[in-house]
PDB file of N, CA and C in Angstrom:
ATOM      1  N   MET A   1      25.877  17.498  -5.161  1.00  0.00           N
ATOM      2  CA  MET A   1      26.401  16.216  -6.238  1.00  0.00           C
ATOM      3  C   MET A   1      27.569  15.259  -5.744  1.00  0.00           C
ATOM      4  N   ASN A   2      27.541  13.950  -4.828  1.00  0.00           N
ATOM      5  CA  ASN A   2      28.620  13.413  -4.886  1.00  0.00           C
ATOM      6  C   ASN A   2      29.773  13.397  -5.650  1.00  0.00           C
ATOM      7  N   ILE A   3      30.360  13.141  -4.212  1.00  0.00           N
ATOM      8  CA  ILE A   3      32.345  13.076  -5.089  1.00  0.00           C
ATOM      9  C   ILE A   3      32.306  12.289  -5.917  1.00  0.00           C
ATOM     10  N   LYS A   4      31.896  10.983  -5.344  1.00  0.00           N
ATOM     11  CA  LYS A   4      32.072   9.797  -5.898  1.00  0.00           C
ATOM     12  C   LYS A   4      31.455  10.557  -7.635  1.00  0.00           C
ATOM     13  N   ILE A   5      30.324  10.289  -8.121  1.00  0.00           N
ATOM     14  CA  ILE A   5      29.802  10.671  -9.230  1.00  0.00           C
ATOM     15  C   ILE A   5      30.394  11.476 -10.080  1.00  0.00           C
ATOM     16  N   ILE A   6      30.655  12.639  -9.444  1.00  0.00           N
ATOM     17  CA  ILE A   6      31.969  13.891  -9.800  1.00  0.00           C
ATOM     18  C   ILE A   6      32.831  12.793 -10.383  1.00  0.00           C
ATOM     19  N   PHE A   7      34.036  11.925  -9.696  1.00  0.00           N
ATOM     20  CA  PHE A   7      34.292  11.674 -10.355  1.00  0.00           C
ATOM     21  C   PHE A   7      34.864  10.794 -10.889  1.00  0.00           C
ATOM     22  N   GLN A   8      33.440   9.993 -11.415  1.00  0.00           N
ATOM     23  CA  GLN A   8      32.828   9.283 -12.667  1.00  0.00           C
ATOM     24  C   GLN A   8      32.579   9.860 -14.179  1.00  0.00           C
ATOM     25  N   LEU A   9      32.171  11.068 -13.061  1.00  0.00           N
ATOM     26  CA  LEU A   9      31.821  11.696 -14.706  1.00  0.00           C
ATOM     27  C   LEU A   9      33.237  12.514 -15.239  1.00  0.00           C
ATOM     28  N   PHE A  10      34.363  12.237 -14.074  1.00  0.00           N
ATOM     29  CA  PHE A  10      35.838  13.001 -14.499  1.00  0.00           C
ATOM     30  C   PHE A  10      36.385  11.825 -15.302  1.00  0.00           C
ATOM     31  N   LEU A  11      35.505  10.957 -14.944  1.00  0.00           N
ATOM     32  CA  LEU A  11      36.178   9.479 -15.722  1.00  0.00           C
ATOM     33  C   LEU A  11      36.081   9.410 -17.403  1.00  0.00           C
ATOM     34  N   VAL A  12      34.110   9.861 -17.543  1.00  0.00           N
ATOM     35  CA  VAL A  12      34.085   9.273 -18.783  1.00  0.00           C
ATOM     36  C   VAL A  12      34.266  11.235 -19.785  1.00  0.00           C
ATOM     37  N   ILE A  13      34.673  11.694 -19.028  1.00  0.00           N
ATOM     38  CA  ILE A  13      35.273  12.934 -19.929  1.00  0.00           C
ATOM     39  C   ILE A  13      36.903  12.763 -20.211  1.00  0.00           C
ATOM     40  N   VAL A  14      37.321  13.010 -19.495  1.00  0.00           N
ATOM     41  CA  VAL A  14      38.889  12.332 -19.331  1.00  0.00           C
ATOM     42  C   VAL A  14      39.414  11.107 -20.194  1.00  0.00           C
ATOM     43  N   PHE A  15      38.477   9.848 -19.771  1.00  0.00           N
ATOM     44  CA  PHE A  15      39.212   8.538 -20.551  1.00  0.00           C
ATOM     45  C   PHE A  15      38.284   8.408 -21.853  1.00  0.00           C
ATOM     46  N   PHE A  16      37.212   8.812 -22.031  1.00  0.00           N
ATOM     47  CA  PHE A  16      36.348   8.461 -23.270  1.00  0.00           C
ATOM     48  C   PHE A  16      37.084   8.130 -24.396  1.00  0.00           C
ATOM     49  N   ASN A  17      38.190   8.572 -25.016  1.00  0.00           N
ATOM     50  CA  ASN A  17      38.862   8.716 -26.362  1.00  0.00           C
ATOM     51  C   ASN A  17      39.394   7.547 -26.522  1.00  0.00           C
ATOM     52  N   ASN A  18      39.615   7.078 -25.591  1.00  0.00           N
ATOM     53  CA  ASN A  18      40.646   5.703 -25.325  1.00  0.00           C
ATOM     54  C   ASN A  18      39.962   4.351 -25.027  1.00  0.00           C
ATOM     55  N   ALA A  19      39.669   3.432 -26.057  1.00  0.00           N
ATOM     56  CA  ALA A  19      38.867   2.152 -25.498  1.00  0.00           C
ATOM     57  C   ALA A  19      38.818   1.714 -23.905  1.00  0.00           C
ATOM     58  N   TYR A  20      40.395   2.066 -23.754  1.00  0.00           N
ATOM     59  CA  TYR A  20      40.301   1.122 -22.294  1.00  0.00           C
ATOM     60  C   TYR A  20      39.762   1.824 -21.161  1.00  0.00           C
ATOM     61  N   GLY A  21      40.151   3.224 -21.247  1.00  0.00           N
ATOM     62  CA  GLY A  21      39.420   4.336 -20.213  1.00  0.00           C
ATOM     63  C   GLY A  21      37.692   4.280 -20.527  1.00  0.00           C
ATOM     64  N   GLN A  22      37.928   3.881 -21.793  1.00  0.00           N
ATOM     65  CA  GLN A  22      36.282   4.439 -22.141  1.00  0.00           C
ATOM     66  C   GLN A  22      35.565   2.879 -21.501  1.00  0.00           C
ATOM     67  N   GLU A  23      35.886   1.678 -21.429  1.00  0.00           N
ATOM     68  CA  GLU A  23      35.496   0.733 -20.595  1.00  0.00           C
ATOM     69  C   GLU A  23      35.064   0.636 -19.395  1.00  0.00           C
ATOM     70  N   THR A  24      36.458   1.027 -18.439  1.00  0.00           N
ATOM     71  CA  THR A  24      36.710   1.803 -17.045  1.00  0.00           C
ATOM     72  C   THR A  24      35.844   2.453 -16.588  1.00  0.00           C
ATOM     73  N   ALA A  25      35.461   3.036 -17.596  1.00  0.00           N
ATOM     74  CA  ALA A  25      34.474   4.936 -17.098  1.00  0.00           C
ATOM     75  C   ALA A  25      33.170   3.826 -17.622  1.00  0.00           C
ATOM     76  N   VAL A  26      32.706   3.195 -18.107  1.00  0.00           N
ATOM     77  CA  VAL A  26      30.944   2.716 -18.334  1.00  0.00           C
ATOM     78  C   VAL A  26      31.218   1.402 -16.982  1.00  0.00           C
ATOM     79  N   GLU A  27      32.093   1.107 -17.203  1.00  0.00           N
ATOM     80  CA  GLU A  27      32.255  -0.321 -16.201  1.00  0.00           C
ATOM     81  C   GLU A  27      32.000   0.567 -14.661  1.00  0.00           C
ATOM     82  N   SER A  28      32.738   1.739 -14.628  1.00  0.00           N
ATOM     83  CA  SER A  28      32.516   2.730 -12.743  1.00  0.00           C
ATOM     84  C   SER A  28      30.992   2.954 -13.007  1.00  0.00           C
ATOM     85  N   ILE A  29      30.532   4.006 -14.236  1.00  0.00           N
ATOM     86  CA  ILE A  29      29.268   3.893 -13.835  1.00  0.00           C
ATOM     87  C   ILE A  29      27.765   2.908 -13.668  1.00  0.00           C
ATOM     88  N   LYS A  30      27.989   1.921 -14.778  1.00  0.00           N
ATOM     89  CA  LYS A  30      27.389   0.773 -14.470  1.00  0.00           C
ATOM     90  C   LYS A  30      27.512   0.662 -13.519  1.00  0.00           C
ATOM     91  N   LYS A  31      28.315  -0.021 -12.309  1.00  0.00           N
ATOM     92  CA  LYS A  31      28.245  -0.281 -10.856  1.00  0.00           C
ATOM     93  C   LYS A  31      27.696   0.826  -9.942  1.00  0.00           C
ATOM     94  N   SER A  32      27.887   1.816 -10.245  1.00  0.00           N
ATOM     95  CA  SER A  32      27.166   2.884  -9.348  1.00  0.00           C
ATOM     96  C   SER A  32      25.539   2.454 -10.204  1.00  0.00           C
ATOM     97  N   ALA A  33      25.094   2.684 -10.679  1.00  0.00           N
ATOM     98  CA  ALA A  33      24.106   2.661 -11.340  1.00  0.00           C
ATOM     99  C   ALA A  33      23.454   1.596 -10.760  1.00  0.00           C
ATOM    100  N   GLU A  34      23.725  -0.228 -11.280  1.00  0.00           N
ATOM    101  CA  GLU A  34      23.241  -1.289  -9.866  1.00  0.00           C
ATOM    102  C   GLU A  34      23.615  -0.799  -8.418  1.00  0.00           C
ATOM    103  N   ASN A  35      24.077  -0.595  -8.175  1.00  0.00           N
ATOM    104  CA  ASN A  35      24.548  -0.450  -6.364  1.00  0.00           C
ATOM    105  C   ASN A  35      23.197   0.307  -6.167  1.00  0.00           C
ATOM    106  N   GLY A  36      22.506   1.269  -7.139  1.00  0.00           N
ATOM    107  CA  GLY A  36      21.125   2.341  -6.677  1.00  0.00           C
ATOM    108  C   GLY A  36      21.587   3.731  -7.108  1.00  0.00           C
ATOM    109  N   ASP A  37      22.282   3.834  -7.210  1.00  0.00           N
ATOM    110  CA  ASP A  37      22.955   5.714  -7.782  1.00  0.00           C
ATOM    111  C   ASP A  37      21.534   6.212  -8.087  1.00  0.00           C
ATOM    112  N   ALA A  38      21.052   7.013  -7.964  1.00  0.00           N
ATOM    113  CA  ALA A  38      19.767   7.727  -9.395  1.00  0.00           C
ATOM    114  C   ALA A  38      20.408   8.334 -10.001  1.00  0.00           C
ATOM    115  N   ILE A  39      21.867   9.100 -10.009  1.00  0.00           N
ATOM    116  CA  ILE A  39      22.563   9.944 -10.554  1.00  0.00           C
ATOM    117  C   ILE A  39      22.936   8.815 -11.561  1.00  0.00           C
ATOM    118  N   ALA A  40      23.801   7.621 -10.928  1.00  0.00           N
ATOM    119  CA  ALA A  40      24.361   7.090 -11.998  1.00  0.00           C
ATOM    120  C   ALA A  40      23.368   7.141 -13.159  1.00  0.00           C
ATOM    121  N   GLN A  41      21.777   5.899 -12.374  1.00  0.00           N
ATOM    122  CA  GLN A  41      20.890   5.401 -13.252  1.00  0.00           C
ATOM    123  C   GLN A  41      20.671   6.114 -14.344  1.00  0.00           C
ATOM    124  N   CYS A  42      20.434   7.382 -14.181  1.00  0.00           N
ATOM    125  CA  CYS A  42      20.236   8.814 -15.381  1.00  0.00           C
ATOM    126  C   CYS A  42      21.318   8.434 -16.011  1.00  0.00           C
ATOM    127  N   TYR A  43      22.729   8.560 -15.692  1.00  0.00           N
ATOM    128  CA  TYR A  43      23.464   9.211 -16.857  1.00  0.00           C
ATOM    129  C   TYR A  43      23.417   7.438 -17.565  1.00  0.00           C
ATOM    130  N   LEU A  44      23.735   6.661 -17.065  1.00  0.00           N
ATOM    131  CA  LEU A  44      23.960   5.477 -17.808  1.00  0.00           C
ATOM    132  C   LEU A  44      22.993   5.151 -18.846  1.00  0.00           C
ATOM    133  N   ALA A  45      21.724   5.795 -18.359  1.00  0.00           N
ATOM    134  CA  ALA A  45      20.188   5.582 -19.172  1.00  0.00           C
ATOM    135  C   ALA A  45      20.725   6.114 -20.717  1.00  0.00           C
ATOM    136  N   LYS A  46      21.366   7.999 -20.236  1.00  0.00           N
ATOM    137  CA  LYS A  46      21.529   8.618 -21.421  1.00  0.00           C
ATOM    138  C   LYS A  46      22.505   8.095 -22.386  1.00  0.00           C
ATOM    139  N   MET A  47      23.489   7.606 -21.563  1.00  0.00           N
ATOM    140  CA  MET A  47      24.267   6.232 -22.150  1.00  0.00           C
ATOM    141  C   MET A  47      23.991   5.583 -23.544  1.00  0.00           C
ATOM    142  N   TYR A  48      23.053   4.612 -22.947  1.00  0.00           N
ATOM    143  CA  TYR A  48      22.652   3.976 -24.335  1.00  0.00           C
ATOM    144  C   TYR A  48      21.593   4.312 -24.994  1.00  0.00           C
ATOM    145  N   ILE A  49      21.020   5.736 -24.632  1.00  0.00           N
ATOM    146  CA  ILE A  49      20.411   6.847 -25.977  1.00  0.00           C
ATOM    147  C   ILE A  49      21.078   7.377 -26.778  1.00  0.00           C
ATOM    148  N   LYS A  50      21.949   7.483 -26.647  1.00  0.00           N
ATOM    149  CA  LYS A  50      23.323   7.873 -27.270  1.00  0.00           C
ATOM    150  C   LYS A  50      24.191   7.105 -27.723  1.00  0.00           C
ATOM    151  N   GLY A  51      24.184   6.260 -27.149  1.00  0.00           N
ATOM    152  CA  GLY A  51      25.353   5.402 -27.498  1.00  0.00           C
ATOM    153  C   GLY A  51      26.906   5.654 -27.585  1.00  0.00           C
ATOM    154  N   GLN A  52      26.765   6.301 -25.925  1.00  0.00           N
ATOM    155  CA  GLN A  52      28.852   6.568 -25.828  1.00  0.00           C
ATOM    156  C   GLN A  52      29.108   5.562 -24.853  1.00  0.00           C
ATOM    157  N   GLY A  53      30.087   4.922 -25.232  1.00  0.00           N
ATOM    158  CA  GLY A  53      30.556   3.980 -24.342  1.00  0.00           C
ATOM    159  C   GLY A  53      29.819   2.563 -24.450  1.00  0.00           C
ATOM    160  N   VAL A  54      28.301   2.258 -24.958  1.00  0.00           N
ATOM    161  CA  VAL A  54      27.514   1.178 -25.262  1.00  0.00           C
ATOM    162  C   VAL A  54      27.260   1.477 -26.338  1.00  0.00           C
ATOM    163  N   SER A  55      26.359  -0.244 -26.854  1.00  0.00           N
ATOM    164  CA  SER A  55      25.839   0.218 -27.773  1.00  0.00           C
ATOM    165  C   SER A  55      24.225   0.536 -27.616  1.00  0.00           C
ATOM    166  N   ILE A  56      23.401   1.074 -28.171  1.00  0.00           N
ATOM    167  CA  ILE A  56      22.584   1.419 -28.502  1.00  0.00           C
ATOM    168  C   ILE A  56      21.014   1.080 -28.147  1.00  0.00           C
ATOM    169  N   ASP A  57      21.034   1.020 -26.993  1.00  0.00           N
ATOM    170  CA  ASP A  57      19.526   0.151 -26.348  1.00  0.00           C
ATOM    171  C   ASP A  57      18.728   1.051 -25.803  1.00  0.00           C
ATOM    172  N   LYS A  58      17.625   1.100 -26.927  1.00  0.00           N
ATOM    173  CA  LYS A  58      16.775   2.158 -26.288  1.00  0.00           C
ATOM    174  C   LYS A  58      15.924   1.139 -24.813  1.00  0.00           C
ATOM    175  N   LYS A  59      15.608  -0.188 -24.456  1.00  0.00           N
ATOM    176  CA  LYS A  59      14.939  -0.843 -23.655  1.00  0.00           C
ATOM    177  C   LYS A  59      16.100  -0.620 -22.083  1.00  0.00           C
ATOM    178  N   GLN A  60      17.842  -0.290 -22.849  1.00  0.00           N
ATOM    179  CA  GLN A  60      17.880  -0.751 -20.956  1.00  0.00           C
ATOM    180  C   GLN A  60      18.258   1.120 -20.916  1.00  0.00           C
ATOM    181  N   ALA A  61      17.601   1.924 -21.831  1.00  0.00           N
ATOM    182  CA  ALA A  61      17.640   3.452 -21.378  1.00  0.00           C
ATOM    183  C   ALA A  61      16.384   2.957 -20.948  1.00  0.00           C
ATOM    184  N   PHE A  62      15.662   3.385 -20.960  1.00  0.00           N
ATOM    185  CA  PHE A  62      14.379   2.740 -20.521  1.00  0.00           C
ATOM    186  C   PHE A  62      14.565   2.268 -19.289  1.00  0.00           C
ATOM    187  N   TYR A  63      15.083   1.263 -18.693  1.00  0.00           N
ATOM    188  CA  TYR A  63      14.885   0.687 -17.595  1.00  0.00           C
ATOM    189  C   TYR A  63      15.637   1.379 -16.888  1.00  0.00           C
ATOM    190  N   TRP A  64      17.120   1.704 -17.501  1.00  0.00           N
ATOM    191  CA  TRP A  64      17.967   2.720 -16.007  1.00  0.00           C
ATOM    192  C   TRP A  64      17.040   4.306 -15.784  1.00  0.00           C
ATOM    193  N   PHE A  65      16.543   5.020 -16.717  1.00  0.00           N
ATOM    194  CA  PHE A  65      15.670   5.947 -16.555  1.00  0.00           C
ATOM    195  C   PHE A  65      14.627   5.856 -14.910  1.00  0.00           C
ATOM    196  N   LYS A  66      13.734   4.234 -15.321  1.00  0.00           N
ATOM    197  CA  LYS A  66      12.816   4.383 -14.772  1.00  0.00           C
ATOM    198  C   LYS A  66      13.337   3.704 -13.435  1.00  0.00           C
ATOM    199  N   LYS A  67      14.464   3.470 -13.300  1.00  0.00           N
ATOM    200  CA  LYS A  67      15.093   2.513 -12.184  1.00  0.00           C
ATOM    201  C   LYS A  67      15.199   4.496 -11.389  1.00  0.00           C
ATOM    202  N   SER A  68      16.021   5.580 -12.096  1.00  0.00           N
ATOM    203  CA  SER A  68      16.067   6.136 -11.181  1.00  0.00           C
ATOM    204  C   SER A  68      14.980   7.628 -11.249  1.00  0.00           C
ATOM    205  N   ALA A  69      14.219   7.405 -12.574  1.00  0.00           N
ATOM    206  CA  ALA A  69      12.327   8.413 -12.112  1.00  0.00           C
ATOM    207  C   ALA A  69      12.109   7.261 -10.264  1.00  0.00           C
ATOM    208  N   GLU A  70      11.989   6.350 -10.164  1.00  0.00           N
ATOM    209  CA  GLU A  70      11.585   5.623  -9.207  1.00  0.00           C
ATOM    210  C   GLU A  70      11.746   6.507  -7.845  1.00  0.00           C
ATOM    211  N   GLN A  71      13.206   6.806  -8.051  1.00  0.00           N
ATOM    212  CA  GLN A  71      14.024   7.407  -6.255  1.00  0.00           C
ATOM    213  C   GLN A  71      13.713   8.710  -6.852  1.00  0.00           C
ATOM    214  N   GLY A  72      12.923   9.598  -7.749  1.00  0.00           N
ATOM    215  CA  GLY A  72      12.536  10.752  -7.401  1.00  0.00           C
ATOM    216  C   GLY A  72      13.432  11.821  -8.334  1.00  0.00           C
ATOM    217  N   ASN A  73      14.363  11.346  -8.931  1.00  0.00           N
ATOM    218  CA  ASN A  73      15.043  11.704 -10.385  1.00  0.00           C
ATOM    219  C   ASN A  73      14.068  12.724 -10.717  1.00  0.00           C
ATOM    220  N   ALA A  74      14.091  14.233 -11.671  1.00  0.00           N
ATOM    221  CA  ALA A  74      13.472  14.627 -12.125  1.00  0.00           C
ATOM    222  C   ALA A  74      13.327  14.754 -13.824  1.00  0.00           C
ATOM    223  N   LEU A  75      14.936  14.652 -13.432  1.00  0.00           N
ATOM    224  CA  LEU A  75      15.492  14.468 -14.846  1.00  0.00           C
ATOM    225  C   LEU A  75      15.380  12.973 -15.422  1.00  0.00           C
ATOM    226  N   ALA A  76      15.232  12.124 -15.101  1.00  0.00           N
ATOM    227  CA  ALA A  76      15.147  10.688 -15.289  1.00  0.00           C
ATOM    228  C   ALA A  76      13.149  10.903 -15.206  1.00  0.00           C
ATOM    229  N   GLN A  77      12.283  11.330 -14.495  1.00  0.00           N
ATOM    230  CA  GLN A  77      11.303  11.271 -14.620  1.00  0.00           C
ATOM    231  C   GLN A  77      11.047  11.465 -15.795  1.00  0.00           C
ATOM    232  N   HIS A  78      11.798  12.952 -16.427  1.00  0.00           N
ATOM    233  CA  HIS A  78      10.990  13.758 -17.586  1.00  0.00           C
ATOM    234  C   HIS A  78      11.120  12.212 -18.890  1.00  0.00           C
ATOM    235  N   PHE A  79      11.725  11.900 -19.147  1.00  0.00           N
ATOM    236  CA  PHE A  79      12.303  11.122 -20.597  1.00  0.00           C
ATOM    237  C   PHE A  79      11.722  10.071 -20.260  1.00  0.00           C
ATOM    238  N   VAL A  80      11.019   9.155 -18.699  1.00  0.00           N
ATOM    239  CA  VAL A  80      10.506   7.736 -18.457  1.00  0.00           C
ATOM    240  C   VAL A  80       9.464   8.660 -19.396  1.00  0.00           C
ATOM    241  N   GLY A  81       8.907   9.814 -19.574  1.00  0.00           N
ATOM    242  CA  GLY A  81       7.535  10.207 -19.860  1.00  0.00           C
ATOM    243  C   GLY A  81       7.802  10.593 -21.320  1.00  0.00           C
ATOM    244  N   LEU A  82       8.412  10.683 -21.690  1.00  0.00           N
ATOM    245  CA  LEU A  82       9.190  11.166 -22.696  1.00  0.00           C
ATOM    246  C   LEU A  82       8.926   9.644 -23.931  1.00  0.00           C
ATOM    247  N   MET A  83       9.840   8.718 -22.804  1.00  0.00           N
ATOM    248  CA  MET A  83       9.612   7.141 -23.788  1.00  0.00           C
ATOM    249  C   MET A  83       8.534   6.786 -23.647  1.00  0.00           C
ATOM    250  N   TYR A  84       8.112   7.094 -22.886  1.00  0.00           N
ATOM    251  CA  TYR A  84       5.841   5.982 -22.712  1.00  0.00           C
ATOM    252  C   TYR A  84       5.546   6.990 -23.911  1.00  0.00           C
ATOM    253  N   ASN A  85       5.206   7.996 -23.792  1.00  0.00           N
ATOM    254  CA  ASN A  85       4.700   8.547 -24.929  1.00  0.00           C
ATOM    255  C   ASN A  85       5.159   8.311 -25.613  1.00  0.00           C
ATOM    256  N   GLY A  86       6.194   8.252 -26.630  1.00  0.00           N
ATOM    257  CA  GLY A  86       6.191   8.353 -28.117  1.00  0.00           C
ATOM    258  C   GLY A  86       6.660   6.654 -28.129  1.00  0.00           C
ATOM    259  N   GLY A  87       6.709   5.396 -27.009  1.00  0.00           N
ATOM    260  CA  GLY A  87       6.999   3.750 -27.334  1.00  0.00           C
ATOM    261  C   GLY A  87       8.207   4.406 -27.842  1.00  0.00           C
ATOM    262  N   GLU A  88       9.052   4.540 -26.897  1.00  0.00           N
ATOM    263  CA  GLU A  88      10.654   4.444 -26.992  1.00  0.00           C
ATOM    264  C   GLU A  88      11.653   3.774 -25.703  1.00  0.00           C
ATOM    265  N   GLY A  89      11.541   1.885 -25.935  1.00  0.00           N
ATOM    266  CA  GLY A  89      12.506   1.207 -25.147  1.00  0.00           C
ATOM    267  C   GLY A  89      11.370   0.922 -24.376  1.00  0.00           C
ATOM    268  N   THR A  90       9.765   0.947 -24.918  1.00  0.00           N
ATOM    269  CA  THR A  90       8.777   0.119 -24.441  1.00  0.00           C
ATOM    270  C   THR A  90       7.696   0.639 -24.979  1.00  0.00           C
ATOM    271  N   GLN A  91       6.689  -0.242 -24.652  1.00  0.00           N
ATOM    272  CA  GLN A  91       5.325   0.435 -25.314  1.00  0.00           C
ATOM    273  C   GLN A  91       4.865   1.323 -24.592  1.00  0.00           C
ATOM    274  N   LYS A  92       3.911   2.198 -25.981  1.00  0.00           N
ATOM    275  CA  LYS A  92       3.768   3.300 -25.653  1.00  0.00           C
ATOM    276  C   LYS A  92       2.395   3.432 -24.500  1.00  0.00           C
ATOM    277  N   ASP A  93       2.580   4.451 -23.957  1.00  0.00           N
ATOM    278  CA  ASP A  93       1.228   4.359 -23.152  1.00  0.00           C
ATOM    279  C   ASP A  93       0.840   5.718 -22.493  1.00  0.00           C
ATOM    280  N   GLU A  94       0.134   6.639 -22.924  1.00  0.00           N
ATOM    281  CA  GLU A  94      -0.341   8.013 -22.636  1.00  0.00           C
ATOM    282  C   GLU A  94      -0.210   8.106 -21.210  1.00  0.00           C
ATOM    283  N   LYS A  95      -0.959   7.597 -20.658  1.00  0.00           N
ATOM    284  CA  LYS A  95      -1.358   7.899 -19.307  1.00  0.00           C
ATOM    285  C   LYS A  95      -0.098   7.664 -18.659  1.00  0.00           C
ATOM    286  N   ASN A  96       0.865   6.462 -18.816  1.00  0.00           N
ATOM    287  CA  ASN A  96       2.417   6.854 -18.087  1.00  0.00           C
ATOM    288  C   ASN A  96       2.943   7.759 -18.328  1.00  0.00           C
ATOM    289  N   ALA A  97       2.898   7.878 -19.314  1.00  0.00           N
ATOM    290  CA  ALA A  97       3.158   8.895 -19.817  1.00  0.00           C
ATOM    291  C   ALA A  97       2.709  10.548 -19.190  1.00  0.00           C
ATOM    292  N   PHE A  98       1.480  10.888 -19.504  1.00  0.00           N
ATOM    293  CA  PHE A  98       1.513  12.409 -18.793  1.00  0.00           C
ATOM    294  C   PHE A  98       1.612  11.670 -16.995  1.00  0.00           C
ATOM    295  N   TYR A  99       1.384  10.891 -16.831  1.00  0.00           N
ATOM    296  CA  TYR A  99       2.149  10.503 -15.128  1.00  0.00           C
ATOM    297  C   TYR A  99       3.753  11.197 -14.541  1.00  0.00           C
ATOM    298  N   TRP A 100       3.416  10.178 -15.453  1.00  0.00           N
ATOM    299  CA  TRP A 100       6.274  10.821 -15.049  1.00  0.00           C
ATOM    300  C   TRP A 100       6.013  12.516 -15.955  1.00  0.00           C
ATOM    301  N   MET A 101       5.567  12.854 -16.686  1.00  0.00           N
ATOM    302  CA  MET A 101       5.563  14.120 -17.119  1.00  0.00           C
ATOM    303  C   MET A 101       5.115  14.818 -16.111  1.00  0.00           C
ATOM    304  N   LYS A 102       4.414  15.140 -15.396  1.00  0.00           N
ATOM    305  CA  LYS A 102       3.695  15.541 -14.524  1.00  0.00           C
ATOM    306  C   LYS A 102       4.582  15.773 -13.085  1.00  0.00           C
ATOM    307  N   LYS A 103       5.036  13.895 -12.764  1.00  0.00           N
ATOM    308  CA  LYS A 103       5.861  14.303 -11.249  1.00  0.00           C
ATOM    309  C   LYS A 103       6.952  14.940 -11.290  1.00  0.00           C
ATOM    310  N   SER A 104       7.658  14.891 -12.845  1.00  0.00           N
ATOM    311  CA  SER A 104       9.575  15.862 -13.066  1.00  0.00           C
ATOM    312  C   SER A 104       8.915  17.307 -12.965  1.00  0.00           C
ATOM    313  N   ALA A 105       7.184  17.855 -13.505  1.00  0.00           N
ATOM    314  CA  ALA A 105       6.624  19.051 -13.984  1.00  0.00           C
ATOM    315  C   ALA A 105       6.856  19.475 -12.246  1.00  0.00           C
ATOM    316  N   GLU A 106       6.412  18.350 -11.212  1.00  0.00           N
ATOM    317  CA  GLU A 106       5.984  19.051 -10.264  1.00  0.00           C
ATOM    318  C   GLU A 106       6.656  19.626  -9.235  1.00  0.00           C
ATOM    319  N   GLN A 107       8.372  18.787  -9.746  1.00  0.00           N
ATOM    320  CA  GLN A 107       9.589  19.068  -9.002  1.00  0.00           C
ATOM    321  C   GLN A 107      10.301  19.888  -9.349  1.00  0.00           C
ATOM    322  N   THR A 108      10.473  20.002 -10.787  1.00  0.00           N
ATOM    323  CA  THR A 108      11.348  21.350 -11.557  1.00  0.00           C
ATOM    324  C   THR A 108       9.896  22.458 -11.775  1.00  0.00           C
ATOM    325  N   LYS A 109       9.143  22.572 -11.474  1.00  0.00           N
ATOM    326  CA  LYS A 109       8.186  23.945 -12.031  1.00  0.00           C
ATOM    327  C   LYS A 109       8.297  24.091 -13.358  1.00  0.00           C
ATOM    328  N   ILE A 110       8.883  23.223 -14.160  1.00  0.00           N
ATOM    329  CA  ILE A 110       8.944  23.490 -15.202  1.00  0.00           C
ATOM    330  C   ILE A 110       8.108  22.222 -16.097  1.00  0.00           C
ATOM    331  N   ILE A 111       7.220  22.773 -16.679  1.00  0.00           N
ATOM    332  CA  ILE A 111       5.946  22.365 -17.654  1.00  0.00           C
ATOM    333  C   ILE A 111       6.358  22.015 -18.719  1.00  0.00           C
ATOM    334  N   ASN A 112       6.096  21.452 -20.375  1.00  0.00           N
ATOM    335  CA  ASN A 112       5.926  21.378 -21.360  1.00  0.00           C
ATOM    336  C   ASN A 112       4.592  21.234 -21.463  1.00  0.00           C
ATOM    337  N   PHE A 113       3.724  22.702 -21.589  1.00  0.00           N
ATOM    338  CA  PHE A 113       2.166  22.777 -21.583  1.00  0.00           C
ATOM    339  C   PHE A 113       1.896  21.953 -22.601  1.00  0.00           C
ATOM    340  N   GLU A 114       2.247  22.526 -24.161  1.00  0.00           N
ATOM    341  CA  GLU A 114       2.046  21.612 -25.130  1.00  0.00           C
ATOM    342  C   GLU A 114       1.943  20.100 -25.258  1.00  0.00           C
ATOM    343  N   LEU A 115       3.060  19.431 -25.059  1.00  0.00           N
ATOM    344  CA  LEU A 115       2.498  18.185 -24.540  1.00  0.00           C
ATOM    345  C   LEU A 115       1.895  17.422 -23.772  1.00  0.00           C
ATOM    346  N   LEU A 116       1.425  18.172 -22.702  1.00  0.00           N
ATOM    347  CA  LEU A 116       0.373  17.882 -21.575  1.00  0.00           C
ATOM    348  C   LEU A 116      -0.472  17.863 -22.266  1.00  0.00           C
ATOM    349  N   LYS A 117      -0.647  19.049 -23.150  1.00  0.00           N
ATOM    350  CA  LYS A 117      -2.197  18.925 -23.086  1.00  0.00           C
ATOM    351  C   LYS A 117      -2.448  18.269 -24.933  1.00  0.00           C
ATOM    352  N   SER A 118      -1.390  17.550 -25.644  1.00  0.00           N
ATOM    353  CA  SER A 118      -1.654  16.872 -26.509  1.00  0.00           C
ATOM    354  C   SER A 118      -1.357  15.447 -26.107  1.00  0.00           C
ATOM    355  N   MET A 119      -1.579  14.927 -24.442  1.00  0.00           N
ATOM    356  CA  MET A 119      -1.698  13.708 -23.720  1.00  0.00           C
ATOM    357  C   MET A 119      -3.063  13.986 -23.426  1.00  0.00           C
ATOM    358  N   THR A 120      -3.668  14.938 -23.059  1.00  0.00           N
ATOM    359  CA  THR A 120      -4.891  14.676 -22.353  1.00  0.00           C
ATOM    360  C   THR A 120      -6.053  14.897 -23.196  1.00  0.00           C
TER     361      THR A 120
END
């Protein structure tokens, strides 16, 4: 993990309790995500899922998870698969759900066999 991301996570943890700090941390993460940082993209997506510093927006969450997943982030690939499978933030698509869950599993050697079994 690079120092820039560690600093951004520090901002989130330390300043999330006040409005100004929260806004600063969110903007810093958004800027890194927009500049192509896969870790920031995944983190921003999780913020949209949970409504941390931003309004809950599953379409935005899916968008950022997919951007990160396309760069090879295994965690983001897992979430893209889950979102395709549940039709959250995107149209339900079991074929793409299976594809992304499999990609994630191939990287991490962790596989949710029950979920994949239910998709076949």
